[in-house]
Amino acid sequence: MSFTTLAFGMPGPTEMMIIGGVALLIFGNRLPSVAKSLGKSFTEFKKGIAGIEDDIDSAVTADKKPPVTAAPTAAPTVSQPAAHE
């Protein structure tokens, strides 16, 4: 049984040109603004994903770290004036 790659694979260069032409016909002058808003949406999505990943990483590393205890502080030293004989 043989399947064609056109039906199940990625579109080739000719198909991409046809898709681009159809998009140009549909969107016309609005195509640059549509692409710009799509790019902004993608950027915001990536920022959101990065924020979630940071939260997960900080939660995982917080569980692995031992609790931090405060180091004892030394009493401040007071310099004594030299005794005059």
PDB file of N, CA and C in Angstrom:
ATOM      1  N   MET A   1       0.850  -1.166   0.000  1.00  0.00           N
ATOM      2  CA  MET A   1       0.000   0.000   0.000  1.00  0.00           C
ATOM      3  C   MET A   1       0.902   1.238   0.000  1.00  0.00           C
ATOM      4  N   SER A   2       0.642   2.160  -0.866  1.00  0.00           N
ATOM      5  CA  SER A   2       1.492   3.325  -1.029  1.00  0.00           C
ATOM      6  C   SER A   2       0.708   4.600  -0.748  1.00  0.00           C
ATOM      7  N   PHE A   3       1.300   5.474   0.050  1.00  0.00           N
ATOM      8  CA  PHE A   3       0.686   6.762   0.353  1.00  0.00           C
ATOM      9  C   PHE A   3       1.495   7.859  -0.321  1.00  0.00           C
ATOM     10  N   THR A   4       0.825   8.878  -0.753  1.00  0.00           N
ATOM     11  CA  THR A   4       1.555  10.009  -1.325  1.00  0.00           C
ATOM     12  C   THR A   4       1.985  10.935  -0.204  1.00  0.00           C
ATOM     13  N   THR A   5       3.150  11.509  -0.335  1.00  0.00           N
ATOM     14  CA  THR A   5       3.640  12.409   0.706  1.00  0.00           C
ATOM     15  C   THR A   5       2.883  13.724   0.708  1.00  0.00           C
ATOM     16  N   LEU A   6       2.208  14.045  -0.385  1.00  0.00           N
ATOM     17  CA  LEU A   6       1.457  15.286  -0.449  1.00  0.00           C
ATOM     18  C   LEU A   6       0.301  15.272   0.526  1.00  0.00           C
ATOM     19  N   ALA A   7      -0.314  14.142   0.718  1.00  0.00           N
ATOM     20  CA  ALA A   7      -1.476  14.056   1.598  1.00  0.00           C
ATOM     21  C   ALA A   7      -1.066  13.955   3.060  1.00  0.00           C
ATOM     22  N   PHE A   8       0.113  13.434   3.339  1.00  0.00           N
ATOM     23  CA  PHE A   8       0.476  13.176   4.733  1.00  0.00           C
ATOM     24  C   PHE A   8       1.759  13.871   5.183  1.00  0.00           C
ATOM     25  N   GLY A   9       2.454  14.540   4.308  1.00  0.00           N
ATOM     26  CA  GLY A   9       3.719  15.169   4.682  1.00  0.00           C
ATOM     27  C   GLY A   9       3.614  16.675   4.729  1.00  0.00           C
ATOM     28  N   MET A  10       4.746  17.303   4.884  1.00  0.00           N
ATOM     29  CA  MET A  10       4.813  18.762   4.874  1.00  0.00           C
ATOM     30  C   MET A  10       4.631  19.251   3.444  1.00  0.00           C
ATOM     31  N   PRO A  11       4.005  20.409   3.287  1.00  0.00           N
ATOM     32  CA  PRO A  11       3.836  20.928   1.920  1.00  0.00           C
ATOM     33  C   PRO A  11       5.174  21.318   1.310  1.00  0.00           C
ATOM     34  N   GLY A  12       5.301  21.066   0.019  1.00  0.00           N
ATOM     35  CA  GLY A  12       6.520  21.392  -0.703  1.00  0.00           C
ATOM     36  C   GLY A  12       6.539  22.858  -1.095  1.00  0.00           C
ATOM     37  N   PRO A  13       7.552  23.258  -1.857  1.00  0.00           N
ATOM     38  CA  PRO A  13       7.673  24.660  -2.255  1.00  0.00           C
ATOM     39  C   PRO A  13       6.489  25.161  -3.085  1.00  0.00           C
ATOM     40  N   THR A  14       5.983  24.327  -3.977  1.00  0.00           N
ATOM     41  CA  THR A  14       4.851  24.741  -4.801  1.00  0.00           C
ATOM     42  C   THR A  14       3.611  24.956  -3.957  1.00  0.00           C
ATOM     43  N   GLU A  15       3.361  24.047  -3.032  1.00  0.00           N
ATOM     44  CA  GLU A  15       2.194  24.181  -2.161  1.00  0.00           C
ATOM     45  C   GLU A  15       2.312  25.407  -1.255  1.00  0.00           C
ATOM     46  N   MET A  16       3.540  25.688  -0.771  1.00  0.00           N
ATOM     47  CA  MET A  16       3.747  26.870   0.061  1.00  0.00           C
ATOM     48  C   MET A  16       3.478  28.152  -0.725  1.00  0.00           C
ATOM     49  N   MET A  17       3.857  28.185  -2.005  1.00  0.00           N
ATOM     50  CA  MET A  17       3.581  29.356  -2.832  1.00  0.00           C
ATOM     51  C   MET A  17       2.078  29.528  -3.045  1.00  0.00           C
ATOM     52  N   ILE A  18       1.381  28.426  -3.222  1.00  0.00           N
ATOM     53  CA  ILE A  18      -0.070  28.498  -3.393  1.00  0.00           C
ATOM     54  C   ILE A  18      -0.729  28.995  -2.111  1.00  0.00           C
ATOM     55  N   ILE A  19      -0.293  28.479  -0.973  1.00  0.00           N
ATOM     56  CA  ILE A  19      -0.843  28.914   0.321  1.00  0.00           C
ATOM     57  C   ILE A  19      -0.554  30.398   0.538  1.00  0.00           C
ATOM     58  N   GLY A  20       0.643  30.846   0.200  1.00  0.00           N
ATOM     59  CA  GLY A  20       0.994  32.266   0.329  1.00  0.00           C
ATOM     60  C   GLY A  20       0.145  33.136  -0.576  1.00  0.00           C
ATOM     61  N   GLY A  21      -0.101  32.681  -1.804  1.00  0.00           N
ATOM     62  CA  GLY A  21      -0.953  33.434  -2.723  1.00  0.00           C
ATOM     63  C   GLY A  21      -2.380  33.545  -2.228  1.00  0.00           C
ATOM     64  N   VAL A  22      -2.907  32.450  -1.674  1.00  0.00           N
ATOM     65  CA  VAL A  22      -4.270  32.472  -1.131  1.00  0.00           C
ATOM     66  C   VAL A  22      -4.336  33.409   0.077  1.00  0.00           C
ATOM     67  N   ALA A  23      -3.323  33.358   0.929  1.00  0.00           N
ATOM     68  CA  ALA A  23      -3.291  34.255   2.090  1.00  0.00           C
ATOM     69  C   ALA A  23      -3.229  35.712   1.641  1.00  0.00           C
ATOM     70  N   LEU A  24      -2.468  35.984   0.596  1.00  0.00           N
ATOM     71  CA  LEU A  24      -2.381  37.350   0.073  1.00  0.00           C
ATOM     72  C   LEU A  24      -3.725  37.812  -0.483  1.00  0.00           C
ATOM     73  N   LEU A  25      -4.430  36.924  -1.156  1.00  0.00           N
ATOM     74  CA  LEU A  25      -5.744  37.273  -1.686  1.00  0.00           C
ATOM     75  C   LEU A  25      -6.763  37.504  -0.574  1.00  0.00           C
ATOM     76  N   ILE A  26      -6.701  36.677   0.468  1.00  0.00           N
ATOM     77  CA  ILE A  26      -7.685  36.787   1.562  1.00  0.00           C
ATOM     78  C   ILE A  26      -7.418  38.022   2.412  1.00  0.00           C
ATOM     79  N   PHE A  27      -6.177  38.206   2.838  1.00  0.00           N
ATOM     80  CA  PHE A  27      -5.868  39.279   3.778  1.00  0.00           C
ATOM     81  C   PHE A  27      -5.512  40.598   3.098  1.00  0.00           C
ATOM     82  N   GLY A  28      -4.965  40.555   1.891  1.00  0.00           N
ATOM     83  CA  GLY A  28      -4.669  41.767   1.135  1.00  0.00           C
ATOM     84  C   GLY A  28      -3.793  42.741   1.887  1.00  0.00           C
ATOM     85  N   ASN A  29      -4.296  43.976   2.074  1.00  0.00           N
ATOM     86  CA  ASN A  29      -3.516  45.027   2.730  1.00  0.00           C
ATOM     87  C   ASN A  29      -3.364  44.787   4.225  1.00  0.00           C
ATOM     88  N   ARG A  30      -4.192  43.949   4.796  1.00  0.00           N
ATOM     89  CA  ARG A  30      -4.118  43.700   6.241  1.00  0.00           C
ATOM     90  C   ARG A  30      -3.046  42.690   6.610  1.00  0.00           C
ATOM     91  N   LEU A  31      -2.414  42.062   5.651  1.00  0.00           N
ATOM     92  CA  LEU A  31      -1.440  41.005   5.933  1.00  0.00           C
ATOM     93  C   LEU A  31      -0.301  41.460   6.840  1.00  0.00           C
ATOM     94  N   PRO A  32       0.314  42.635   6.656  1.00  0.00           N
ATOM     95  CA  PRO A  32       1.382  43.048   7.586  1.00  0.00           C
ATOM     96  C   PRO A  32       0.886  43.214   9.024  1.00  0.00           C
ATOM     97  N   SER A  33      -0.314  43.777   9.199  1.00  0.00           N
ATOM     98  CA  SER A  33      -0.821  43.946  10.569  1.00  0.00           C
ATOM     99  C   SER A  33      -1.195  42.600  11.191  1.00  0.00           C
ATOM    100  N   VAL A  34      -1.683  41.675  10.367  1.00  0.00           N
ATOM    101  CA  VAL A  34      -1.999  40.333  10.875  1.00  0.00           C
ATOM    102  C   VAL A  34      -0.713  39.630  11.310  1.00  0.00           C
ATOM    103  N   ALA A  35       0.329  39.734  10.503  1.00  0.00           N
ATOM    104  CA  ALA A  35       1.612  39.110  10.852  1.00  0.00           C
ATOM    105  C   ALA A  35       2.201  39.733  12.109  1.00  0.00           C
ATOM    106  N   LYS A  36       2.061  41.050  12.249  1.00  0.00           N
ATOM    107  CA  LYS A  36       2.587  41.742  13.426  1.00  0.00           C
ATOM    108  C   LYS A  36       1.856  41.286  14.685  1.00  0.00           C
ATOM    109  N   SER A  37       0.531  41.210  14.632  1.00  0.00           N
ATOM    110  CA  SER A  37      -0.224  40.778  15.811  1.00  0.00           C
ATOM    111  C   SER A  37       0.041  39.310  16.124  1.00  0.00           C
ATOM    112  N   LEU A  38       0.239  38.495  15.094  1.00  0.00           N
ATOM    113  CA  LEU A  38       0.577  37.090  15.317  1.00  0.00           C
ATOM    114  C   LEU A  38       1.944  36.970  15.993  1.00  0.00           C
ATOM    115  N   GLY A  39       2.897  37.796  15.570  1.00  0.00           N
ATOM    116  CA  GLY A  39       4.227  37.791  16.199  1.00  0.00           C
ATOM    117  C   GLY A  39       4.167  38.236  17.643  1.00  0.00           C
ATOM    118  N   LYS A  40       3.362  39.270  17.945  1.00  0.00           N
ATOM    119  CA  LYS A  40       3.215  39.730  19.330  1.00  0.00           C
ATOM    120  C   LYS A  40       2.574  38.647  20.190  1.00  0.00           C
ATOM    121  N   SER A  41       1.571  37.972  19.638  1.00  0.00           N
ATOM    122  CA  SER A  41       0.915  36.900  20.388  1.00  0.00           C
ATOM    123  C   SER A  41       1.889  35.774  20.699  1.00  0.00           C
ATOM    124  N   PHE A  42       2.711  35.420  19.713  1.00  0.00           N
ATOM    125  CA  PHE A  42       3.690  34.358  19.913  1.00  0.00           C
ATOM    126  C   PHE A  42       4.720  34.757  20.967  1.00  0.00           C
ATOM    127  N   THR A  43       5.153  36.015  20.944  1.00  0.00           N
ATOM    128  CA  THR A  43       6.116  36.502  21.931  1.00  0.00           C
ATOM    129  C   THR A  43       5.534  36.461  23.340  1.00  0.00           C
ATOM    130  N   GLU A  44       4.293  36.906  23.498  1.00  0.00           N
ATOM    131  CA  GLU A  44       3.646  36.858  24.814  1.00  0.00           C
ATOM    132  C   GLU A  44       3.478  35.428  25.296  1.00  0.00           C
ATOM    133  N   PHE A  45       3.155  34.526  24.378  1.00  0.00           N
ATOM    134  CA  PHE A  45       3.017  33.115  24.735  1.00  0.00           C
ATOM    135  C   PHE A  45       4.341  32.563  25.245  1.00  0.00           C
ATOM    136  N   LYS A  46       5.450  32.884  24.562  1.00  0.00           N
ATOM    137  CA  LYS A  46       6.759  32.410  24.995  1.00  0.00           C
ATOM    138  C   LYS A  46       7.139  32.986  26.354  1.00  0.00           C
ATOM    139  N   LYS A  47       6.791  34.268  26.608  1.00  0.00           N
ATOM    140  CA  LYS A  47       7.070  34.879  27.915  1.00  0.00           C
ATOM    141  C   LYS A  47       6.289  34.168  29.007  1.00  0.00           C
ATOM    142  N   GLY A  48       5.036  33.837  28.723  1.00  0.00           N
ATOM    143  CA  GLY A  48       4.221  33.134  29.701  1.00  0.00           C
ATOM    144  C   GLY A  48       4.776  31.756  30.015  1.00  0.00           C
ATOM    145  N   ILE A  49       5.203  31.047  28.988  1.00  0.00           N
ATOM    146  CA  ILE A  49       5.788  29.716  29.178  1.00  0.00           C
ATOM    147  C   ILE A  49       7.080  29.826  29.982  1.00  0.00           C
ATOM    148  N   ALA A  50       7.905  30.825  29.683  1.00  0.00           N
ATOM    149  CA  ALA A  50       9.166  31.006  30.413  1.00  0.00           C
ATOM    150  C   ALA A  50       8.886  31.316  31.880  1.00  0.00           C
ATOM    151  N   GLY A  51       7.855  32.108  32.163  1.00  0.00           N
ATOM    152  CA  GLY A  51       7.498  32.413  33.549  1.00  0.00           C
ATOM    153  C   GLY A  51       7.063  31.170  34.309  1.00  0.00           C
ATOM    154  N   ILE A  52       6.287  30.328  33.645  1.00  0.00           N
ATOM    155  CA  ILE A  52       5.847  29.089  34.285  1.00  0.00           C
ATOM    156  C   ILE A  52       7.044  28.178  34.536  1.00  0.00           C
ATOM    157  N   GLU A  53       7.950  28.084  33.565  1.00  0.00           N
ATOM    158  CA  GLU A  53       9.140  27.252  33.743  1.00  0.00           C
ATOM    159  C   GLU A  53       9.996  27.762  34.899  1.00  0.00           C
ATOM    160  N   ASP A  54      10.139  29.074  35.028  1.00  0.00           N
ATOM    161  CA  ASP A  54      10.906  29.651  36.138  1.00  0.00           C
ATOM    162  C   ASP A  54      10.261  29.317  37.477  1.00  0.00           C
ATOM    163  N   ASP A  55       8.931  29.408  37.546  1.00  0.00           N
ATOM    164  CA  ASP A  55       8.227  29.073  38.785  1.00  0.00           C
ATOM    165  C   ASP A  55       8.433  27.613  39.160  1.00  0.00           C
ATOM    166  N   ILE A  56       8.364  26.735  38.166  1.00  0.00           N
ATOM    167  CA  ILE A  56       8.555  25.304  38.428  1.00  0.00           C
ATOM    168  C   ILE A  56       9.989  25.039  38.876  1.00  0.00           C
ATOM    169  N   ASP A  57      10.956  25.647  38.185  1.00  0.00           N
ATOM    170  CA  ASP A  57      12.363  25.448  38.558  1.00  0.00           C
ATOM    171  C   ASP A  57      12.644  25.950  39.971  1.00  0.00           C
ATOM    172  N   SER A  58      12.095  27.105  40.320  1.00  0.00           N
ATOM    173  CA  SER A  58      12.339  27.635  41.662  1.00  0.00           C
ATOM    174  C   SER A  58      11.663  26.764  42.721  1.00  0.00           C
ATOM    175  N   ALA A  59      10.507  26.203  42.406  1.00  0.00           N
ATOM    176  CA  ALA A  59       9.834  25.320  43.363  1.00  0.00           C
ATOM    177  C   ALA A  59      10.623  24.027  43.551  1.00  0.00           C
ATOM    178  N   VAL A  60      11.171  23.491  42.480  1.00  0.00           N
ATOM    179  CA  VAL A  60      11.936  22.246  42.571  1.00  0.00           C
ATOM    180  C   VAL A  60      13.233  22.476  43.315  1.00  0.00           C
ATOM    181  N   THR A  61      13.939  23.563  43.014  1.00  0.00           N
ATOM    182  CA  THR A  61      15.212  23.804  43.692  1.00  0.00           C
ATOM    183  C   THR A  61      14.993  24.205  45.146  1.00  0.00           C
ATOM    184  N   ALA A  62      13.854  24.823  45.468  1.00  0.00           N
ATOM    185  CA  ALA A  62      13.577  25.181  46.863  1.00  0.00           C
ATOM    186  C   ALA A  62      13.353  23.924  47.692  1.00  0.00           C
ATOM    187  N   ASP A  63      12.788  22.884  47.099  1.00  0.00           N
ATOM    188  CA  ASP A  63      12.566  21.638  47.817  1.00  0.00           C
ATOM    189  C   ASP A  63      13.870  20.896  48.073  1.00  0.00           C
ATOM    190  N   LYS A  64      14.845  21.040  47.196  1.00  0.00           N
ATOM    191  CA  LYS A  64      16.099  20.308  47.322  1.00  0.00           C
ATOM    192  C   LYS A  64      17.097  20.979  48.259  1.00  0.00           C
ATOM    193  N   LYS A  65      16.980  22.287  48.459  1.00  0.00           N
ATOM    194  CA  LYS A  65      17.940  23.001  49.297  1.00  0.00           C
ATOM    195  C   LYS A  65      17.627  22.780  50.772  1.00  0.00           C
ATOM    196  N   PRO A  66      18.669  22.585  51.620  1.00  0.00           N
ATOM    197  CA  PRO A  66      18.413  22.491  53.058  1.00  0.00           C
ATOM    198  C   PRO A  66      18.004  23.874  53.582  1.00  0.00           C
ATOM    199  N   PRO A  67      17.279  23.909  54.676  1.00  0.00           N
ATOM    200  CA  PRO A  67      16.871  25.220  55.207  1.00  0.00           C
ATOM    201  C   PRO A  67      18.093  26.032  55.614  1.00  0.00           C
ATOM    202  N   VAL A  68      18.028  27.291  55.342  1.00  0.00           N
ATOM    203  CA  VAL A  68      19.143  28.188  55.635  1.00  0.00           C
ATOM    204  C   VAL A  68      19.018  28.645  57.083  1.00  0.00           C
ATOM    205  N   THR A  69      20.097  28.440  57.852  1.00  0.00           N
ATOM    206  CA  THR A  69      20.114  28.908  59.238  1.00  0.00           C
ATOM    207  C   THR A  69      20.992  30.133  59.308  1.00  0.00           C
ATOM    208  N   ALA A  70      20.606  31.040  60.142  1.00  0.00           N
ATOM    209  CA  ALA A  70      21.375  32.275  60.280  1.00  0.00           C
ATOM    210  C   ALA A  70      22.689  31.969  60.987  1.00  0.00           C
ATOM    211  N   ALA A  71      23.768  32.469  60.452  1.00  0.00           N
ATOM    212  CA  ALA A  71      25.077  32.273  61.055  1.00  0.00           C
ATOM    213  C   ALA A  71      25.176  33.156  62.294  1.00  0.00           C
ATOM    214  N   PRO A  72      25.762  32.632  63.373  1.00  0.00           N
ATOM    215  CA  PRO A  72      25.886  33.467  64.569  1.00  0.00           C
ATOM    216  C   PRO A  72      26.805  34.647  64.274  1.00  0.00           C
ATOM    217  N   THR A  73      26.404  35.772  64.769  1.00  0.00           N
ATOM    218  CA  THR A  73      27.213  36.970  64.545  1.00  0.00           C
ATOM    219  C   THR A  73      28.118  37.184  65.753  1.00  0.00           C
ATOM    220  N   ALA A  74      29.304  37.613  65.483  1.00  0.00           N
ATOM    221  CA  ALA A  74      30.261  37.880  66.558  1.00  0.00           C
ATOM    222  C   ALA A  74      29.904  39.207  67.216  1.00  0.00           C
ATOM    223  N   ALA A  75      30.178  39.289  68.495  1.00  0.00           N
ATOM    224  CA  ALA A  75      29.913  40.532  69.218  1.00  0.00           C
ATOM    225  C   ALA A  75      30.841  41.610  68.669  1.00  0.00           C
ATOM    226  N   PRO A  76      30.343  42.807  68.547  1.00  0.00           N
ATOM    227  CA  PRO A  76      31.212  43.860  68.013  1.00  0.00           C
ATOM    228  C   PRO A  76      32.371  44.127  68.967  1.00  0.00           C
ATOM    229  N   THR A  77      33.523  44.298  68.391  1.00  0.00           N
ATOM    230  CA  THR A  77      34.717  44.568  69.210  1.00  0.00           C
ATOM    231  C   THR A  77      34.830  46.057  69.443  1.00  0.00           C
ATOM    232  N   VAL A  78      35.117  46.400  70.677  1.00  0.00           N
ATOM    233  CA  VAL A  78      35.275  47.802  71.039  1.00  0.00           C
ATOM    234  C   VAL A  78      36.758  48.020  71.309  1.00  0.00           C
ATOM    235  N   SER A  79      37.331  48.985  70.633  1.00  0.00           N
ATOM    236  CA  SER A  79      38.754  49.219  70.822  1.00  0.00           C
ATOM    237  C   SER A  79      38.926  50.004  72.130  1.00  0.00           C
ATOM    238  N   GLN A  80      39.829  49.504  72.954  1.00  0.00           N
ATOM    239  CA  GLN A  80      40.109  50.103  74.244  1.00  0.00           C
ATOM    240  C   GLN A  80      41.264  51.101  74.078  1.00  0.00           C
ATOM    241  N   PRO A  81      41.130  52.272  74.683  1.00  0.00           N
ATOM    242  CA  PRO A  81      42.268  53.197  74.593  1.00  0.00           C
ATOM    243  C   PRO A  81      43.478  52.629  75.341  1.00  0.00           C
ATOM    244  N   ALA A  82      44.626  52.916  74.843  1.00  0.00           N
ATOM    245  CA  ALA A  82      45.858  52.421  75.465  1.00  0.00           C
ATOM    246  C   ALA A  82      46.033  53.056  76.838  1.00  0.00           C
ATOM    247  N   ALA A  83      46.422  52.261  77.802  1.00  0.00           N
ATOM    248  CA  ALA A  83      46.628  52.764  79.158  1.00  0.00           C
ATOM    249  C   ALA A  83      47.948  53.516  79.210  1.00  0.00           C
ATOM    250  N   HIS A  84      47.898  54.671  79.820  1.00  0.00           N
ATOM    251  CA  HIS A  84      49.115  55.475  79.931  1.00  0.00           C
ATOM    252  C   HIS A  84      49.738  55.216  81.289  1.00  0.00           C
ATOM    253  N   GLU A  85      50.968  54.938  81.300  1.00  0.00           N
ATOM    254  CA  GLU A  85      51.646  54.688  82.550  1.00  0.00           C
ATOM    255  C   GLU A  85      52.365  55.859  83.058  1.00  0.00           C
TER     256      GLU A  85
END
